[in-house]
Amino acid sequence: MGVILEKRRKFDPEFREGAVRIVPETGRTIAEVAEDLGINETLASWVSRARRAVAAGERPAQGGQQASGHGA
């Protein structure tokens, strides 16, 4: 038997940012939103990064990724 490897899906920054925003704007859980979008645990990590950035006084980068400090 062979090993089946899943191809890692890529999401554009606008999709990530929108997915992260849905959670607080709708009051739904991360799990509910992730299931609707078909992204499973991925959304939890994006939301976590965005929350850490806000707590640190930073503006979250698109998709909840840490800002690089370049551009505006």
PDB file of N, CA and C in Angstrom:
ATOM      1  N   MET A   1       0.829  -1.193   0.000  1.00  0.00           N
ATOM      2  CA  MET A   1       0.000   0.000   0.000  1.00  0.00           C
ATOM      3  C   MET A   1       0.868   1.250   0.000  1.00  0.00           C
ATOM      4  N   GLY A   2       0.450   2.228  -0.733  1.00  0.00           N
ATOM      5  CA  GLY A   2       1.186   3.479  -0.786  1.00  0.00           C
ATOM      6  C   GLY A   2       0.626   4.495   0.188  1.00  0.00           C
ATOM      7  N   VAL A   3       1.378   5.524   0.432  1.00  0.00           N
ATOM      8  CA  VAL A   3       0.948   6.606   1.306  1.00  0.00           C
ATOM      9  C   VAL A   3       0.281   7.665   0.446  1.00  0.00           C
ATOM     10  N   ILE A   4      -0.881   8.102   0.881  1.00  0.00           N
ATOM     11  CA  ILE A   4      -1.592   9.152   0.150  1.00  0.00           C
ATOM     12  C   ILE A   4      -1.241  10.493   0.803  1.00  0.00           C
ATOM     13  N   LEU A   5      -0.676  11.374   0.025  1.00  0.00           N
ATOM     14  CA  LEU A   5      -0.311  12.701   0.513  1.00  0.00           C
ATOM     15  C   LEU A   5      -1.334  13.713   0.021  1.00  0.00           C
ATOM     16  N   GLU A   6      -1.798  14.523   0.942  1.00  0.00           N
ATOM     17  CA  GLU A   6      -2.720  15.575   0.554  1.00  0.00           C
ATOM     18  C   GLU A   6      -1.923  16.794   0.120  1.00  0.00           C
ATOM     19  N   LYS A   7      -2.372  17.424  -0.950  1.00  0.00           N
ATOM     20  CA  LYS A   7      -1.729  18.648  -1.404  1.00  0.00           C
ATOM     21  C   LYS A   7      -2.176  19.787  -0.487  1.00  0.00           C
ATOM     22  N   ARG A   8      -1.225  20.547   0.002  1.00  0.00           N
ATOM     23  CA  ARG A   8      -1.529  21.660   0.897  1.00  0.00           C
ATOM     24  C   ARG A   8      -2.245  22.759   0.114  1.00  0.00           C
ATOM     25  N   ARG A   9      -3.384  23.158   0.631  1.00  0.00           N
ATOM     26  CA  ARG A   9      -4.152  24.206  -0.042  1.00  0.00           C
ATOM     27  C   ARG A   9      -3.611  25.571   0.357  1.00  0.00           C
ATOM     28  N   LYS A  10      -3.642  26.488  -0.587  1.00  0.00           N
ATOM     29  CA  LYS A  10      -3.187  27.861  -0.337  1.00  0.00           C
ATOM     30  C   LYS A  10      -4.407  28.769  -0.367  1.00  0.00           C
ATOM     31  N   PHE A  11      -4.425  29.745   0.515  1.00  0.00           N
ATOM     32  CA  PHE A  11      -5.524  30.699   0.580  1.00  0.00           C
ATOM     33  C   PHE A  11      -4.956  32.102   0.421  1.00  0.00           C
ATOM     34  N   ASP A  12      -5.631  32.916  -0.386  1.00  0.00           N
ATOM     35  CA  ASP A  12      -5.121  34.268  -0.581  1.00  0.00           C
ATOM     36  C   ASP A  12      -5.385  35.119   0.663  1.00  0.00           C
ATOM     37  N   PRO A  13      -4.634  36.193   0.833  1.00  0.00           N
ATOM     38  CA  PRO A  13      -4.760  37.026   2.035  1.00  0.00           C
ATOM     39  C   PRO A  13      -6.164  37.572   2.256  1.00  0.00           C
ATOM     40  N   GLU A  14      -6.876  37.912   1.202  1.00  0.00           N
ATOM     41  CA  GLU A  14      -8.225  38.444   1.351  1.00  0.00           C
ATOM     42  C   GLU A  14      -9.156  37.393   1.941  1.00  0.00           C
ATOM     43  N   PHE A  15      -9.017  36.145   1.513  1.00  0.00           N
ATOM     44  CA  PHE A  15      -9.839  35.065   2.059  1.00  0.00           C
ATOM     45  C   PHE A  15      -9.539  34.882   3.543  1.00  0.00           C
ATOM     46  N   ARG A  16      -8.257  34.859   3.892  1.00  0.00           N
ATOM     47  CA  ARG A  16      -7.868  34.677   5.292  1.00  0.00           C
ATOM     48  C   ARG A  16      -8.426  35.793   6.165  1.00  0.00           C
ATOM     49  N   GLU A  17      -8.247  37.018   5.712  1.00  0.00           N
ATOM     50  CA  GLU A  17      -8.716  38.175   6.484  1.00  0.00           C
ATOM     51  C   GLU A  17     -10.226  38.109   6.678  1.00  0.00           C
ATOM     52  N   GLY A  18     -10.939  37.785   5.613  1.00  0.00           N
ATOM     53  CA  GLY A  18     -12.395  37.684   5.696  1.00  0.00           C
ATOM     54  C   GLY A  18     -12.833  36.575   6.636  1.00  0.00           C
ATOM     55  N   ALA A  19     -12.166  35.437   6.572  1.00  0.00           N
ATOM     56  CA  ALA A  19     -12.502  34.309   7.440  1.00  0.00           C
ATOM     57  C   ALA A  19     -12.281  34.675   8.908  1.00  0.00           C
ATOM     58  N   VAL A  20     -11.180  35.349   9.201  1.00  0.00           N
ATOM     59  CA  VAL A  20     -10.890  35.766  10.574  1.00  0.00           C
ATOM     60  C   VAL A  20     -11.945  36.747  11.067  1.00  0.00           C
ATOM     61  N   ARG A  21     -12.372  37.669  10.225  1.00  0.00           N
ATOM     62  CA  ARG A  21     -13.379  38.679  10.607  1.00  0.00           C
ATOM     63  C   ARG A  21     -14.742  38.067  10.890  1.00  0.00           C
ATOM     64  N   ILE A  22     -15.090  36.990  10.196  1.00  0.00           N
ATOM     65  CA  ILE A  22     -16.413  36.384  10.359  1.00  0.00           C
ATOM     66  C   ILE A  22     -16.664  35.970  11.808  1.00  0.00           C
ATOM     67  N   VAL A  23     -15.639  35.479  12.489  1.00  0.00           N
ATOM     68  CA  VAL A  23     -15.823  34.961  13.853  1.00  0.00           C
ATOM     69  C   VAL A  23     -16.374  36.034  14.799  1.00  0.00           C
ATOM     70  N   PRO A  24     -15.692  37.166  15.000  1.00  0.00           N
ATOM     71  CA  PRO A  24     -16.245  38.161  15.932  1.00  0.00           C
ATOM     72  C   PRO A  24     -17.485  38.880  15.393  1.00  0.00           C
ATOM     73  N   GLU A  25     -17.567  39.052  14.089  1.00  0.00           N
ATOM     74  CA  GLU A  25     -18.703  39.774  13.514  1.00  0.00           C
ATOM     75  C   GLU A  25     -20.010  38.998  13.626  1.00  0.00           C
ATOM     76  N   THR A  26     -19.943  37.673  13.609  1.00  0.00           N
ATOM     77  CA  THR A  26     -21.155  36.859  13.662  1.00  0.00           C
ATOM     78  C   THR A  26     -21.406  36.258  15.035  1.00  0.00           C
ATOM     79  N   GLY A  27     -20.356  36.215  15.874  1.00  0.00           N
ATOM     80  CA  GLY A  27     -20.502  35.603  17.181  1.00  0.00           C
ATOM     81  C   GLY A  27     -20.509  34.073  17.126  1.00  0.00           C
ATOM     82  N   ARG A  28     -20.240  33.523  15.957  1.00  0.00           N
ATOM     83  CA  ARG A  28     -20.194  32.069  15.805  1.00  0.00           C
ATOM     84  C   ARG A  28     -18.838  31.566  16.261  1.00  0.00           C
ATOM     85  N   THR A  29     -18.777  30.279  16.581  1.00  0.00           N
ATOM     86  CA  THR A  29     -17.503  29.715  17.026  1.00  0.00           C
ATOM     87  C   THR A  29     -16.569  29.543  15.830  1.00  0.00           C
ATOM     88  N   ILE A  30     -15.278  29.440  16.136  1.00  0.00           N
ATOM     89  CA  ILE A  30     -14.279  29.183  15.101  1.00  0.00           C
ATOM     90  C   ILE A  30     -14.614  27.883  14.385  1.00  0.00           C
ATOM     91  N   ALA A  31     -14.999  26.861  15.153  1.00  0.00           N
ATOM     92  CA  ALA A  31     -15.309  25.550  14.568  1.00  0.00           C
ATOM     93  C   ALA A  31     -16.474  25.643  13.577  1.00  0.00           C
ATOM     94  N   GLU A  32     -17.510  26.416  13.925  1.00  0.00           N
ATOM     95  CA  GLU A  32     -18.661  26.562  13.029  1.00  0.00           C
ATOM     96  C   GLU A  32     -18.271  27.256  11.728  1.00  0.00           C
ATOM     97  N   VAL A  33     -17.533  28.343  11.850  1.00  0.00           N
ATOM     98  CA  VAL A  33     -17.111  29.090  10.669  1.00  0.00           C
ATOM     99  C   VAL A  33     -16.168  28.250   9.817  1.00  0.00           C
ATOM    100  N   ALA A  34     -15.217  27.573  10.462  1.00  0.00           N
ATOM    101  CA  ALA A  34     -14.268  26.735   9.734  1.00  0.00           C
ATOM    102  C   ALA A  34     -14.987  25.625   8.982  1.00  0.00           C
ATOM    103  N   GLU A  35     -15.972  25.001   9.614  1.00  0.00           N
ATOM    104  CA  GLU A  35     -16.718  23.933   8.945  1.00  0.00           C
ATOM    105  C   GLU A  35     -17.456  24.483   7.725  1.00  0.00           C
ATOM    106  N   ASP A  36     -18.096  25.634   7.883  1.00  0.00           N
ATOM    107  CA  ASP A  36     -18.812  26.244   6.752  1.00  0.00           C
ATOM    108  C   ASP A  36     -17.868  26.559   5.591  1.00  0.00           C
ATOM    109  N   LEU A  37     -16.662  27.007   5.916  1.00  0.00           N
ATOM    110  CA  LEU A  37     -15.704  27.372   4.878  1.00  0.00           C
ATOM    111  C   LEU A  37     -14.868  26.187   4.401  1.00  0.00           C
ATOM    112  N   GLY A  38     -14.962  25.063   5.099  1.00  0.00           N
ATOM    113  CA  GLY A  38     -14.207  23.870   4.721  1.00  0.00           C
ATOM    114  C   GLY A  38     -12.716  23.988   4.973  1.00  0.00           C
ATOM    115  N   ILE A  39     -12.349  24.704   6.064  1.00  0.00           N
ATOM    116  CA  ILE A  39     -10.922  24.913   6.320  1.00  0.00           C
ATOM    117  C   ILE A  39     -10.452  24.317   7.638  1.00  0.00           C
ATOM    118  N   ASN A  40     -11.301  23.620   8.357  1.00  0.00           N
ATOM    119  CA  ASN A  40     -10.954  22.889   9.574  1.00  0.00           C
ATOM    120  C   ASN A  40     -10.081  23.670  10.534  1.00  0.00           C
ATOM    121  N   GLU A  41      -8.976  23.083  11.012  1.00  0.00           N
ATOM    122  CA  GLU A  41      -8.152  23.726  12.041  1.00  0.00           C
ATOM    123  C   GLU A  41      -7.408  24.962  11.556  1.00  0.00           C
ATOM    124  N   THR A  42      -7.329  25.148  10.282  1.00  0.00           N
ATOM    125  CA  THR A  42      -6.596  26.289   9.724  1.00  0.00           C
ATOM    126  C   THR A  42      -7.100  27.612  10.286  1.00  0.00           C
ATOM    127  N   LEU A  43      -8.400  27.783  10.372  1.00  0.00           N
ATOM    128  CA  LEU A  43      -8.973  29.045  10.844  1.00  0.00           C
ATOM    129  C   LEU A  43      -8.559  29.337  12.282  1.00  0.00           C
ATOM    130  N   ALA A  44      -8.481  28.334  13.119  1.00  0.00           N
ATOM    131  CA  ALA A  44      -8.096  28.555  14.517  1.00  0.00           C
ATOM    132  C   ALA A  44      -6.716  29.195  14.611  1.00  0.00           C
ATOM    133  N   SER A  45      -5.789  28.746  13.784  1.00  0.00           N
ATOM    134  CA  SER A  45      -4.447  29.337  13.837  1.00  0.00           C
ATOM    135  C   SER A  45      -4.456  30.774  13.325  1.00  0.00           C
ATOM    136  N   TRP A  46      -5.244  31.049  12.296  1.00  0.00           N
ATOM    137  CA  TRP A  46      -5.330  32.418  11.786  1.00  0.00           C
ATOM    138  C   TRP A  46      -5.923  33.356  12.837  1.00  0.00           C
ATOM    139  N   VAL A  47      -6.991  32.924  13.503  1.00  0.00           N
ATOM    140  CA  VAL A  47      -7.643  33.750  14.524  1.00  0.00           C
ATOM    141  C   VAL A  47      -6.683  33.961  15.695  1.00  0.00           C
ATOM    142  N   SER A  48      -5.981  32.918  16.091  1.00  0.00           N
ATOM    143  CA  SER A  48      -5.023  33.021  17.193  1.00  0.00           C
ATOM    144  C   SER A  48      -3.940  34.049  16.891  1.00  0.00           C
ATOM    145  N   ARG A  49      -3.397  34.015  15.679  1.00  0.00           N
ATOM    146  CA  ARG A  49      -2.364  34.995  15.288  1.00  0.00           C
ATOM    147  C   ARG A  49      -2.920  36.412  15.309  1.00  0.00           C
ATOM    148  N   ALA A  50      -4.130  36.579  14.813  1.00  0.00           N
ATOM    149  CA  ALA A  50      -4.735  37.909  14.781  1.00  0.00           C
ATOM    150  C   ALA A  50      -4.965  38.425  16.202  1.00  0.00           C
ATOM    151  N   ARG A  51      -5.436  37.565  17.086  1.00  0.00           N
ATOM    152  CA  ARG A  51      -5.675  37.972  18.476  1.00  0.00           C
ATOM    153  C   ARG A  51      -4.374  38.345  19.176  1.00  0.00           C
ATOM    154  N   ARG A  52      -3.307  37.570  18.929  1.00  0.00           N
ATOM    155  CA  ARG A  52      -2.009  37.897  19.537  1.00  0.00           C
ATOM    156  C   ARG A  52      -1.511  39.252  19.042  1.00  0.00           C
ATOM    157  N   ALA A  53      -1.694  39.527  17.768  1.00  0.00           N
ATOM    158  CA  ALA A  53      -1.247  40.801  17.210  1.00  0.00           C
ATOM    159  C   ALA A  53      -2.007  41.961  17.838  1.00  0.00           C
ATOM    160  N   VAL A  54      -3.315  41.813  18.002  1.00  0.00           N
ATOM    161  CA  VAL A  54      -4.126  42.860  18.614  1.00  0.00           C
ATOM    162  C   VAL A  54      -3.708  43.061  20.071  1.00  0.00           C
ATOM    163  N   ALA A  55      -3.491  41.976  20.800  1.00  0.00           N
ATOM    164  CA  ALA A  55      -3.075  42.062  22.201  1.00  0.00           C
ATOM    165  C   ALA A  55      -1.721  42.751  22.350  1.00  0.00           C
ATOM    166  N   ALA A  56      -0.881  42.604  21.340  1.00  0.00           N
ATOM    167  CA  ALA A  56       0.441  43.232  21.364  1.00  0.00           C
ATOM    168  C   ALA A  56       0.393  44.677  20.858  1.00  0.00           C
ATOM    169  N   GLY A  57      -0.812  45.153  20.528  1.00  0.00           N
ATOM    170  CA  GLY A  57      -0.960  46.518  20.061  1.00  0.00           C
ATOM    171  C   GLY A  57      -0.638  46.708  18.600  1.00  0.00           C
ATOM    172  N   GLU A  58      -0.573  45.603  17.858  1.00  0.00           N
ATOM    173  CA  GLU A  58      -0.278  45.669  16.428  1.00  0.00           C
ATOM    174  C   GLU A  58      -1.565  45.555  15.638  1.00  0.00           C
ATOM    175  N   ARG A  59      -1.515  46.030  14.425  1.00  0.00           N
ATOM    176  CA  ARG A  59      -2.614  45.810  13.494  1.00  0.00           C
ATOM    177  C   ARG A  59      -2.364  44.463  12.838  1.00  0.00           C
ATOM    178  N   PRO A  60      -3.327  43.516  12.944  1.00  0.00           N
ATOM    179  CA  PRO A  60      -3.079  42.213  12.327  1.00  0.00           C
ATOM    180  C   PRO A  60      -2.893  42.335  10.827  1.00  0.00           C
ATOM    181  N   ALA A  61      -1.927  41.615  10.295  1.00  0.00           N
ATOM    182  CA  ALA A  61      -1.729  41.564   8.852  1.00  0.00           C
ATOM    183  C   ALA A  61      -2.862  40.763   8.244  1.00  0.00           C
ATOM    184  N   GLN A  62      -3.014  40.838   6.933  1.00  0.00           N
ATOM    185  CA  GLN A  62      -4.047  40.077   6.268  1.00  0.00           C
ATOM    186  C   GLN A  62      -3.906  38.611   6.608  1.00  0.00           C
ATOM    187  N   GLY A  63      -5.047  37.980   6.927  1.00  0.00           N
ATOM    188  CA  GLY A  63      -5.040  36.566   7.233  1.00  0.00           C
ATOM    189  C   GLY A  63      -4.547  36.251   8.624  1.00  0.00           C
ATOM    190  N   GLY A  64      -4.396  37.285   9.444  1.00  0.00           N
ATOM    191  CA  GLY A  64      -3.963  37.057  10.795  1.00  0.00           C
ATOM    192  C   GLY A  64      -2.481  36.774  10.905  1.00  0.00           C
ATOM    193  N   GLN A  65      -1.730  36.910   9.831  1.00  0.00           N
ATOM    194  CA  GLN A  65      -0.300  36.693   9.898  1.00  0.00           C
ATOM    195  C   GLN A  65       0.362  37.902  10.506  1.00  0.00           C
ATOM    196  N   GLN A  66       1.476  37.695  11.159  1.00  0.00           N
ATOM    197  CA  GLN A  66       2.190  38.795  11.779  1.00  0.00           C
ATOM    198  C   GLN A  66       2.637  39.799  10.718  1.00  0.00           C
ATOM    199  N   ALA A  67       2.474  41.067  11.041  1.00  0.00           N
ATOM    200  CA  ALA A  67       2.884  42.118  10.126  1.00  0.00           C
ATOM    201  C   ALA A  67       4.403  42.138  10.021  1.00  0.00           C
ATOM    202  N   SER A  68       4.888  42.395   8.836  1.00  0.00           N
ATOM    203  CA  SER A  68       6.334  42.418   8.631  1.00  0.00           C
ATOM    204  C   SER A  68       6.946  43.770   8.922  1.00  0.00           C
ATOM    205  N   GLY A  69       6.086  44.777   9.036  1.00  0.00           N
ATOM    206  CA  GLY A  69       6.601  46.113   9.310  1.00  0.00           C
ATOM    207  C   GLY A  69       6.899  46.877   8.043  1.00  0.00           C
ATOM    208  N   HIS A  70       6.645  46.288   6.893  1.00  0.00           N
ATOM    209  CA  HIS A  70       6.881  46.961   5.619  1.00  0.00           C
ATOM    210  C   HIS A  70       5.561  47.451   5.044  1.00  0.00           C
ATOM    211  N   GLY A  71       5.577  48.607   4.458  1.00  0.00           N
ATOM    212  CA  GLY A  71       4.392  49.142   3.797  1.00  0.00           C
ATOM    213  C   GLY A  71       3.390  49.674   4.779  1.00  0.00           C
ATOM    214  N   ALA A  72       2.248  50.175   4.224  1.00  0.00           N
ATOM    215  CA  ALA A  72       1.229  50.725   5.101  1.00  0.00           C
ATOM    216  C   ALA A  72      -0.116  50.276   4.657  1.00  0.00           C
TER     217      ALA A  72
END
